[in-house]
Structure formats: structure tokens, C-alpha cells
Amino acid sequence: MVEVIGTDHVYLSVSDPARSEAFYDRLFEVLGFRKNEFALGGERHVQYFNRHFGVVLRPARAGAAPHDPYAPGLHHLCLRVESAEDVRSAAAELAAAGIAATEPRHFPEYAADYVATFVTDPDGLRFEITNYRAERRRRHERWPSD
């Protein structure tokens, strides 16, 4: 059996590349990502990446309707930071960068130590930022026995 060891990259099709790039420049700068660009099929793509994975923006080819998280497809993308304090810091830094982040809060219905904040991109795609919770740490440390 082959084990998947992480998410390598995610592609996002965006309705207005310039508007989305301005948003993601601020979002990913706060989160410590780097940026580059490349062309595929004559279309400019913008990639944000850290040592773990990347997010690529590409121009959408059809429709300009806002993202509907309850339609088939992606509901939201969750990014993990080290601690609950890092969630709070990220939310504050995002707000300072002009990105509306929800007030970080505790979600005990998900896990006893679950803290998260949410932001929405220009096309309506939601990003969650959450802490590296005890259950996830245990799973990582004890795999495959857990």
C-alpha cells in the first residue's frame, strides 16, 4: 500500500485574477508563503508555497458566479498552524493586512482544543486556519498503530 504523506498543491480557478492575486498576496504573506508565477497553455498562473505545499491561482474559464460551499465540490480549505495562539495571531495579522478574518474562537463541538478563524476570498471560497490539535498530534506520532 502506498501512503499519502501530505497535500502537495491545490489549484484555484479565479474569476478576476488581479483581484484574487491582491487578496492572496496579503493572506499568504501573513502565513509565511513565498510566491512565483509561471505560464501554462499561455495563461498566467500564480503560485504561493511554503515548505509543505502550494496553492496555485489560475484564470477561470467559465462562469463568474460566487463559490457555493454547499454545491458539489470543495466546501472549504483548512490550513493548520502550530497553536491556538498562532490562530489568534494570524487573525490579528490578517485584519491588520485588510483581510476580514472572523474572531478566533473555540469550537468544542469539533474537539476540546479546537480553535479557528475563517476568511473568504474574492470568489467566496472559505479558508479556515486552525491549530494543531492533540488528537492530530497523537495520530501523527502513533501512526500506523492508531
N, C-alpha and C. Protein backbone atom coordinates (compact mmCIF):
# COMPACT_ATOMS: atom_id res chain seq x y z
N MET A 1 0.85 -1.18 0.00
CA MET A 1 0.00 0.00 0.00
C MET A 1 0.89 1.24 0.00
N VAL A 2 0.54 2.22 -0.82
CA VAL A 2 1.25 3.49 -0.88
C VAL A 2 0.60 4.44 0.12
N GLU A 3 1.41 5.12 0.90
CA GLU A 3 0.89 6.07 1.89
C GLU A 3 0.98 7.49 1.35
N VAL A 4 -0.12 8.22 1.38
CA VAL A 4 -0.13 9.64 1.05
C VAL A 4 0.48 10.37 2.24
N ILE A 5 1.47 11.20 2.00
CA ILE A 5 2.18 11.85 3.10
C ILE A 5 1.85 13.33 3.24
N GLY A 6 0.98 13.86 2.40
CA GLY A 6 0.59 15.26 2.54
C GLY A 6 -0.11 15.75 1.30
N THR A 7 -0.60 16.95 1.38
CA THR A 7 -1.17 17.63 0.22
C THR A 7 -0.04 18.38 -0.46
N ASP A 8 0.15 18.15 -1.75
CA ASP A 8 1.23 18.81 -2.48
C ASP A 8 0.82 20.20 -2.94
N HIS A 9 -0.33 20.31 -3.59
CA HIS A 9 -0.80 21.61 -4.04
C HIS A 9 -2.30 21.57 -4.30
N VAL A 10 -2.87 22.75 -4.34
CA VAL A 10 -4.28 22.95 -4.65
C VAL A 10 -4.35 24.02 -5.73
N TYR A 11 -5.14 23.79 -6.76
CA TYR A 11 -5.37 24.78 -7.80
C TYR A 11 -6.71 25.45 -7.55
N LEU A 12 -6.74 26.77 -7.65
CA LEU A 12 -7.98 27.53 -7.52
C LEU A 12 -8.21 28.30 -8.81
N SER A 13 -9.35 28.10 -9.42
CA SER A 13 -9.74 28.89 -10.59
C SER A 13 -10.43 30.14 -10.09
N VAL A 14 -9.95 31.29 -10.53
CA VAL A 14 -10.45 32.57 -10.01
C VAL A 14 -11.07 33.39 -11.13
N SER A 15 -12.14 34.11 -10.79
CA SER A 15 -12.88 34.87 -11.80
C SER A 15 -12.18 36.15 -12.21
N ASP A 16 -11.43 36.76 -11.29
CA ASP A 16 -10.72 38.01 -11.56
C ASP A 16 -9.31 37.85 -11.02
N PRO A 17 -8.37 37.41 -11.88
CA PRO A 17 -7.03 37.10 -11.39
C PRO A 17 -6.34 38.25 -10.64
N ALA A 18 -6.47 39.47 -11.11
CA ALA A 18 -5.81 40.60 -10.43
C ALA A 18 -6.38 40.81 -9.03
N ARG A 19 -7.71 40.76 -8.91
CA ARG A 19 -8.36 40.93 -7.61
C ARG A 19 -7.96 39.81 -6.65
N SER A 20 -7.98 38.59 -7.15
CA SER A 20 -7.62 37.45 -6.31
C SER A 20 -6.15 37.49 -5.92
N GLU A 21 -5.29 37.87 -6.84
CA GLU A 21 -3.87 37.95 -6.52
C GLU A 21 -3.62 38.97 -5.40
N ALA A 22 -4.30 40.09 -5.45
CA ALA A 22 -4.14 41.10 -4.39
C ALA A 22 -4.57 40.53 -3.04
N PHE A 23 -5.68 39.79 -3.01
CA PHE A 23 -6.15 39.17 -1.77
C PHE A 23 -5.15 38.13 -1.28
N TYR A 24 -4.76 37.21 -2.15
CA TYR A 24 -3.87 36.12 -1.75
C TYR A 24 -2.46 36.60 -1.42
N ASP A 25 -2.02 37.69 -2.05
CA ASP A 25 -0.73 38.27 -1.66
C ASP A 25 -0.74 38.61 -0.17
N ARG A 26 -1.80 39.24 0.28
CA ARG A 26 -1.90 39.62 1.70
C ARG A 26 -2.08 38.40 2.60
N LEU A 27 -2.99 37.49 2.21
CA LEU A 27 -3.25 36.30 3.01
C LEU A 27 -1.98 35.49 3.21
N PHE A 28 -1.32 35.17 2.12
CA PHE A 28 -0.18 34.26 2.22
C PHE A 28 1.08 34.94 2.72
N GLU A 29 1.18 36.24 2.61
CA GLU A 29 2.31 36.93 3.24
C GLU A 29 2.22 36.77 4.76
N VAL A 30 1.02 36.97 5.31
CA VAL A 30 0.81 36.80 6.75
C VAL A 30 1.16 35.37 7.18
N LEU A 31 0.87 34.39 6.32
CA LEU A 31 1.07 32.99 6.68
C LEU A 31 2.45 32.46 6.27
N GLY A 32 3.34 33.34 5.80
CA GLY A 32 4.72 32.96 5.54
C GLY A 32 4.97 32.22 4.24
N PHE A 33 4.08 32.35 3.26
CA PHE A 33 4.27 31.69 1.98
C PHE A 33 5.14 32.56 1.06
N ARG A 34 5.79 31.92 0.13
CA ARG A 34 6.51 32.61 -0.94
C ARG A 34 5.64 32.60 -2.19
N LYS A 35 6.08 33.35 -3.20
CA LYS A 35 5.27 33.50 -4.41
C LYS A 35 6.14 33.39 -5.64
N ASN A 36 5.61 32.74 -6.68
CA ASN A 36 6.21 32.80 -8.00
C ASN A 36 5.08 32.75 -9.03
N GLU A 37 5.45 32.81 -10.28
CA GLU A 37 4.44 32.71 -11.33
C GLU A 37 5.02 31.93 -12.50
N PHE A 38 4.11 31.38 -13.30
CA PHE A 38 4.51 30.62 -14.48
C PHE A 38 3.33 30.62 -15.44
N ALA A 39 3.58 30.23 -16.66
CA ALA A 39 2.52 30.15 -17.67
C ALA A 39 2.29 28.70 -18.07
N LEU A 40 1.03 28.34 -18.20
CA LEU A 40 0.63 27.04 -18.72
C LEU A 40 -0.42 27.30 -19.80
N GLY A 41 -0.21 26.76 -20.96
CA GLY A 41 -1.17 26.96 -22.05
C GLY A 41 -1.40 28.42 -22.37
N GLY A 42 -0.37 29.23 -22.18
CA GLY A 42 -0.49 30.66 -22.46
C GLY A 42 -1.19 31.46 -21.37
N GLU A 43 -1.55 30.81 -20.27
CA GLU A 43 -2.25 31.50 -19.17
C GLU A 43 -1.31 31.67 -17.98
N ARG A 44 -1.32 32.88 -17.43
CA ARG A 44 -0.50 33.17 -16.26
C ARG A 44 -1.10 32.47 -15.03
N HIS A 45 -0.24 31.78 -14.29
CA HIS A 45 -0.60 31.13 -13.03
C HIS A 45 0.27 31.74 -11.94
N VAL A 46 -0.30 31.94 -10.77
CA VAL A 46 0.43 32.48 -9.62
C VAL A 46 0.44 31.40 -8.55
N GLN A 47 1.64 31.08 -8.06
CA GLN A 47 1.78 30.04 -7.05
C GLN A 47 2.28 30.64 -5.73
N TYR A 48 1.61 30.26 -4.66
CA TYR A 48 2.03 30.58 -3.30
C TYR A 48 2.44 29.26 -2.66
N PHE A 49 3.57 29.24 -1.96
CA PHE A 49 4.04 27.97 -1.43
C PHE A 49 4.84 28.19 -0.15
N ASN A 50 4.82 27.17 0.69
CA ASN A 50 5.73 27.08 1.82
C ASN A 50 6.44 25.74 1.72
N ARG A 51 7.12 25.31 2.75
CA ARG A 51 7.87 24.06 2.63
C ARG A 51 6.98 22.83 2.60
N HIS A 52 5.69 22.99 2.89
CA HIS A 52 4.79 21.84 2.94
C HIS A 52 3.92 21.67 1.70
N PHE A 53 3.41 22.76 1.14
CA PHE A 53 2.54 22.62 -0.04
C PHE A 53 2.33 23.98 -0.70
N GLY A 54 1.62 23.97 -1.83
CA GLY A 54 1.37 25.19 -2.57
C GLY A 54 -0.08 25.37 -2.96
N VAL A 55 -0.42 26.62 -3.24
CA VAL A 55 -1.74 26.98 -3.75
C VAL A 55 -1.49 27.78 -5.02
N VAL A 56 -2.14 27.34 -6.11
CA VAL A 56 -1.94 27.98 -7.40
C VAL A 56 -3.25 28.64 -7.83
N LEU A 57 -3.14 29.90 -8.29
CA LEU A 57 -4.29 30.61 -8.87
C LEU A 57 -4.17 30.52 -10.38
N ARG A 58 -5.27 30.18 -11.01
CA ARG A 58 -5.34 30.15 -12.46
C ARG A 58 -6.62 30.83 -12.89
N PRO A 59 -6.66 31.42 -14.07
CA PRO A 59 -7.89 32.06 -14.52
C PRO A 59 -9.01 31.05 -14.72
N ALA A 60 -10.19 31.39 -14.26
CA ALA A 60 -11.36 30.55 -14.51
C ALA A 60 -11.71 30.64 -15.99
N ARG A 61 -12.27 29.58 -16.51
CA ARG A 61 -12.65 29.57 -17.92
C ARG A 61 -14.14 29.72 -18.13
N ALA A 62 -14.92 29.46 -17.11
CA ALA A 62 -16.38 29.51 -17.29
C ALA A 62 -17.03 30.07 -16.04
N GLY A 63 -18.05 30.86 -16.25
CA GLY A 63 -18.88 31.34 -15.15
C GLY A 63 -18.13 32.26 -14.20
N ALA A 64 -18.86 33.19 -13.66
CA ALA A 64 -18.29 34.12 -12.68
C ALA A 64 -19.13 34.13 -11.42
N ALA A 65 -19.92 33.08 -11.22
CA ALA A 65 -20.76 33.02 -10.02
C ALA A 65 -19.89 32.80 -8.79
N PRO A 66 -20.27 33.39 -7.67
CA PRO A 66 -19.51 33.17 -6.44
C PRO A 66 -19.52 31.68 -6.05
N HIS A 67 -18.48 31.28 -5.36
CA HIS A 67 -18.36 29.90 -4.90
C HIS A 67 -19.51 29.57 -3.95
N ASP A 68 -20.13 28.42 -4.15
CA ASP A 68 -21.19 27.95 -3.26
C ASP A 68 -20.64 26.75 -2.49
N PRO A 69 -20.34 26.92 -1.19
CA PRO A 69 -19.74 25.82 -0.44
C PRO A 69 -20.66 24.62 -0.26
N TYR A 70 -21.93 24.78 -0.55
CA TYR A 70 -22.86 23.66 -0.39
C TYR A 70 -23.23 22.99 -1.71
N ALA A 71 -22.65 23.47 -2.82
CA ALA A 71 -22.78 22.77 -4.10
C ALA A 71 -21.73 21.66 -4.13
N PRO A 72 -21.88 20.69 -5.03
CA PRO A 72 -20.84 19.66 -5.11
C PRO A 72 -19.47 20.30 -5.36
N GLY A 73 -18.47 19.76 -4.71
CA GLY A 73 -17.12 20.29 -4.85
C GLY A 73 -16.56 20.71 -3.50
N LEU A 74 -15.59 21.56 -3.53
CA LEU A 74 -14.89 21.98 -2.33
C LEU A 74 -15.79 22.83 -1.43
N HIS A 75 -15.85 22.48 -0.17
CA HIS A 75 -16.59 23.29 0.82
C HIS A 75 -15.69 24.39 1.37
N HIS A 76 -14.55 24.01 1.92
CA HIS A 76 -13.56 24.98 2.39
C HIS A 76 -12.20 24.32 2.46
N LEU A 77 -11.17 25.11 2.60
CA LEU A 77 -9.81 24.62 2.72
C LEU A 77 -9.30 25.04 4.08
N CYS A 78 -8.80 24.09 4.85
CA CYS A 78 -8.33 24.36 6.21
C CYS A 78 -6.81 24.29 6.26
N LEU A 79 -6.20 25.34 6.78
CA LEU A 79 -4.76 25.40 6.97
C LEU A 79 -4.48 25.25 8.46
N ARG A 80 -3.42 24.52 8.77
CA ARG A 80 -3.09 24.27 10.18
C ARG A 80 -1.86 25.06 10.58
N VAL A 81 -1.95 25.69 11.76
CA VAL A 81 -0.81 26.36 12.38
C VAL A 81 -0.49 25.63 13.67
N GLU A 82 0.60 25.96 14.29
CA GLU A 82 1.10 25.20 15.43
C GLU A 82 0.20 25.25 16.66
N SER A 83 -0.33 26.42 17.00
CA SER A 83 -1.01 26.57 18.29
C SER A 83 -2.25 27.45 18.18
N ALA A 84 -3.06 27.41 19.24
CA ALA A 84 -4.23 28.30 19.31
C ALA A 84 -3.78 29.75 19.31
N GLU A 85 -2.66 30.04 19.96
CA GLU A 85 -2.14 31.41 19.96
C GLU A 85 -1.75 31.83 18.54
N ASP A 86 -1.24 30.90 17.74
CA ASP A 86 -0.92 31.22 16.35
C ASP A 86 -2.18 31.52 15.55
N VAL A 87 -3.28 30.85 15.85
CA VAL A 87 -4.57 31.15 15.20
C VAL A 87 -4.95 32.59 15.52
N ARG A 88 -4.86 32.96 16.79
CA ARG A 88 -5.20 34.33 17.19
C ARG A 88 -4.27 35.35 16.54
N SER A 89 -2.99 35.05 16.49
CA SER A 89 -2.02 35.96 15.86
C SER A 89 -2.31 36.10 14.37
N ALA A 90 -2.60 34.99 13.71
CA ALA A 90 -2.91 35.04 12.28
C ALA A 90 -4.13 35.92 12.02
N ALA A 91 -5.17 35.74 12.82
CA ALA A 91 -6.39 36.54 12.64
C ALA A 91 -6.09 38.03 12.81
N ALA A 92 -5.29 38.37 13.81
CA ALA A 92 -4.94 39.77 14.06
C ALA A 92 -4.10 40.33 12.91
N GLU A 93 -3.13 39.54 12.44
CA GLU A 93 -2.28 40.00 11.34
C GLU A 93 -3.07 40.11 10.03
N LEU A 94 -3.99 39.19 9.81
CA LEU A 94 -4.84 39.28 8.62
C LEU A 94 -5.69 40.55 8.67
N ALA A 95 -6.28 40.84 9.81
CA ALA A 95 -7.08 42.06 9.96
C ALA A 95 -6.22 43.29 9.71
N ALA A 96 -5.00 43.28 10.22
CA ALA A 96 -4.09 44.42 10.01
C ALA A 96 -3.73 44.57 8.53
N ALA A 97 -3.74 43.46 7.79
CA ALA A 97 -3.45 43.48 6.35
C ALA A 97 -4.69 43.79 5.52
N GLY A 98 -5.82 44.04 6.18
CA GLY A 98 -7.04 44.39 5.47
C GLY A 98 -7.89 43.22 5.04
N ILE A 99 -7.65 42.05 5.62
CA ILE A 99 -8.45 40.86 5.30
C ILE A 99 -9.38 40.59 6.47
N ALA A 100 -10.66 40.51 6.19
CA ALA A 100 -11.66 40.26 7.23
C ALA A 100 -11.57 38.82 7.69
N ALA A 101 -11.05 38.61 8.86
CA ALA A 101 -10.98 37.28 9.47
C ALA A 101 -11.99 37.25 10.61
N THR A 102 -12.65 36.12 10.79
CA THR A 102 -13.58 36.01 11.90
C THR A 102 -12.80 36.05 13.21
N GLU A 103 -13.48 36.43 14.26
CA GLU A 103 -12.86 36.40 15.58
C GLU A 103 -12.49 34.96 15.89
N PRO A 104 -11.23 34.69 16.22
CA PRO A 104 -10.86 33.32 16.55
C PRO A 104 -11.68 32.84 17.74
N ARG A 105 -12.16 31.61 17.64
CA ARG A 105 -12.94 31.11 18.76
C ARG A 105 -12.74 29.61 18.94
N HIS A 106 -13.11 29.17 20.09
CA HIS A 106 -13.03 27.78 20.47
C HIS A 106 -14.27 27.06 19.93
N PHE A 107 -14.08 25.89 19.32
CA PHE A 107 -15.17 25.09 18.80
C PHE A 107 -15.17 23.74 19.51
N PRO A 108 -15.67 23.67 20.74
CA PRO A 108 -15.63 22.42 21.49
C PRO A 108 -16.46 21.30 20.84
N GLU A 109 -17.40 21.66 19.98
CA GLU A 109 -18.19 20.63 19.31
C GLU A 109 -17.34 19.83 18.31
N TYR A 110 -16.20 20.38 17.89
CA TYR A 110 -15.29 19.67 16.99
C TYR A 110 -14.22 18.91 17.76
N ALA A 111 -13.64 19.55 18.77
CA ALA A 111 -12.62 18.93 19.63
C ALA A 111 -12.41 19.85 20.83
N ALA A 112 -11.98 19.27 21.92
CA ALA A 112 -11.81 20.04 23.15
C ALA A 112 -10.84 21.20 22.98
N ASP A 113 -9.87 21.06 22.09
CA ASP A 113 -8.85 22.11 21.92
C ASP A 113 -8.88 22.76 20.53
N TYR A 114 -10.04 22.75 19.88
CA TYR A 114 -10.18 23.26 18.51
C TYR A 114 -10.42 24.77 18.55
N VAL A 115 -9.50 25.53 17.95
CA VAL A 115 -9.62 26.98 17.83
C VAL A 115 -9.45 27.31 16.36
N ALA A 116 -10.29 28.20 15.83
CA ALA A 116 -10.21 28.50 14.40
C ALA A 116 -10.66 29.92 14.10
N THR A 117 -10.20 30.42 12.96
CA THR A 117 -10.66 31.65 12.36
C THR A 117 -10.92 31.35 10.89
N PHE A 118 -11.76 32.16 10.24
CA PHE A 118 -12.13 31.93 8.85
C PHE A 118 -11.97 33.22 8.05
N VAL A 119 -11.57 33.08 6.78
CA VAL A 119 -11.53 34.20 5.84
C VAL A 119 -12.21 33.71 4.56
N THR A 120 -12.68 34.65 3.76
CA THR A 120 -13.33 34.31 2.50
C THR A 120 -12.64 35.07 1.38
N ASP A 121 -12.29 34.36 0.30
CA ASP A 121 -11.59 35.00 -0.81
C ASP A 121 -12.59 35.76 -1.69
N PRO A 122 -12.10 36.52 -2.68
CA PRO A 122 -13.00 37.33 -3.52
C PRO A 122 -14.05 36.54 -4.28
N ASP A 123 -13.82 35.24 -4.51
CA ASP A 123 -14.81 34.42 -5.21
C ASP A 123 -15.71 33.64 -4.25
N GLY A 124 -15.58 33.89 -2.94
CA GLY A 124 -16.45 33.25 -1.96
C GLY A 124 -15.91 31.96 -1.37
N LEU A 125 -14.68 31.56 -1.71
CA LEU A 125 -14.08 30.35 -1.15
C LEU A 125 -13.60 30.64 0.27
N ARG A 126 -14.02 29.78 1.20
CA ARG A 126 -13.64 29.96 2.61
C ARG A 126 -12.36 29.20 2.94
N PHE A 127 -11.52 29.88 3.70
CA PHE A 127 -10.32 29.27 4.26
C PHE A 127 -10.48 29.28 5.77
N GLU A 128 -10.13 28.18 6.38
CA GLU A 128 -10.10 28.07 7.84
C GLU A 128 -8.64 27.97 8.26
N ILE A 129 -8.31 28.58 9.36
CA ILE A 129 -7.00 28.43 9.98
C ILE A 129 -7.24 27.88 11.37
N THR A 130 -6.67 26.71 11.64
CA THR A 130 -6.89 26.05 12.92
C THR A 130 -5.56 25.61 13.52
N ASN A 131 -5.61 25.27 14.77
CA ASN A 131 -4.41 24.84 15.49
C ASN A 131 -4.16 23.35 15.32
N TYR A 132 -2.92 22.96 15.57
CA TYR A 132 -2.51 21.55 15.53
C TYR A 132 -2.95 20.92 16.84
N ARG A 133 -4.07 20.23 16.78
CA ARG A 133 -4.73 19.74 17.99
C ARG A 133 -4.11 18.45 18.50
N ALA A 134 -4.36 18.16 19.76
CA ALA A 134 -3.77 17.00 20.44
C ALA A 134 -4.11 15.70 19.71
N GLU A 135 -5.35 15.54 19.27
CA GLU A 135 -5.74 14.31 18.58
C GLU A 135 -4.94 14.14 17.29
N ARG A 136 -4.72 15.21 16.55
CA ARG A 136 -3.95 15.14 15.30
C ARG A 136 -2.48 14.82 15.60
N ARG A 137 -1.96 15.41 16.66
CA ARG A 137 -0.56 15.14 17.04
C ARG A 137 -0.39 13.67 17.41
N ARG A 138 -1.33 13.16 18.21
CA ARG A 138 -1.25 11.74 18.61
C ARG A 138 -1.31 10.84 17.38
N ARG A 139 -2.22 11.14 16.47
CA ARG A 139 -2.34 10.33 15.25
C ARG A 139 -1.03 10.34 14.47
N HIS A 140 -0.45 11.51 14.35
CA HIS A 140 0.81 11.64 13.62
C HIS A 140 1.92 10.85 14.29
N GLU A 141 2.04 10.97 15.59
CA GLU A 141 3.12 10.32 16.33
C GLU A 141 2.96 8.81 16.41
N ARG A 142 1.74 8.31 16.46
CA ARG A 142 1.49 6.87 16.67
C ARG A 142 1.18 6.10 15.40
N TRP A 143 1.10 6.78 14.27
CA TRP A 143 0.75 6.12 13.02
C TRP A 143 1.78 5.06 12.69
N PRO A 144 1.45 3.88 12.24
CA PRO A 144 0.15 3.40 11.82
C PRO A 144 -0.60 2.65 12.91
N SER A 145 -0.08 2.61 14.13
CA SER A 145 -0.73 1.80 15.16
C SER A 145 -2.06 2.38 15.64
N ASP A 146 -2.27 3.68 15.47
CA ASP A 146 -3.53 4.30 15.91
C ASP A 146 -4.62 4.14 14.90
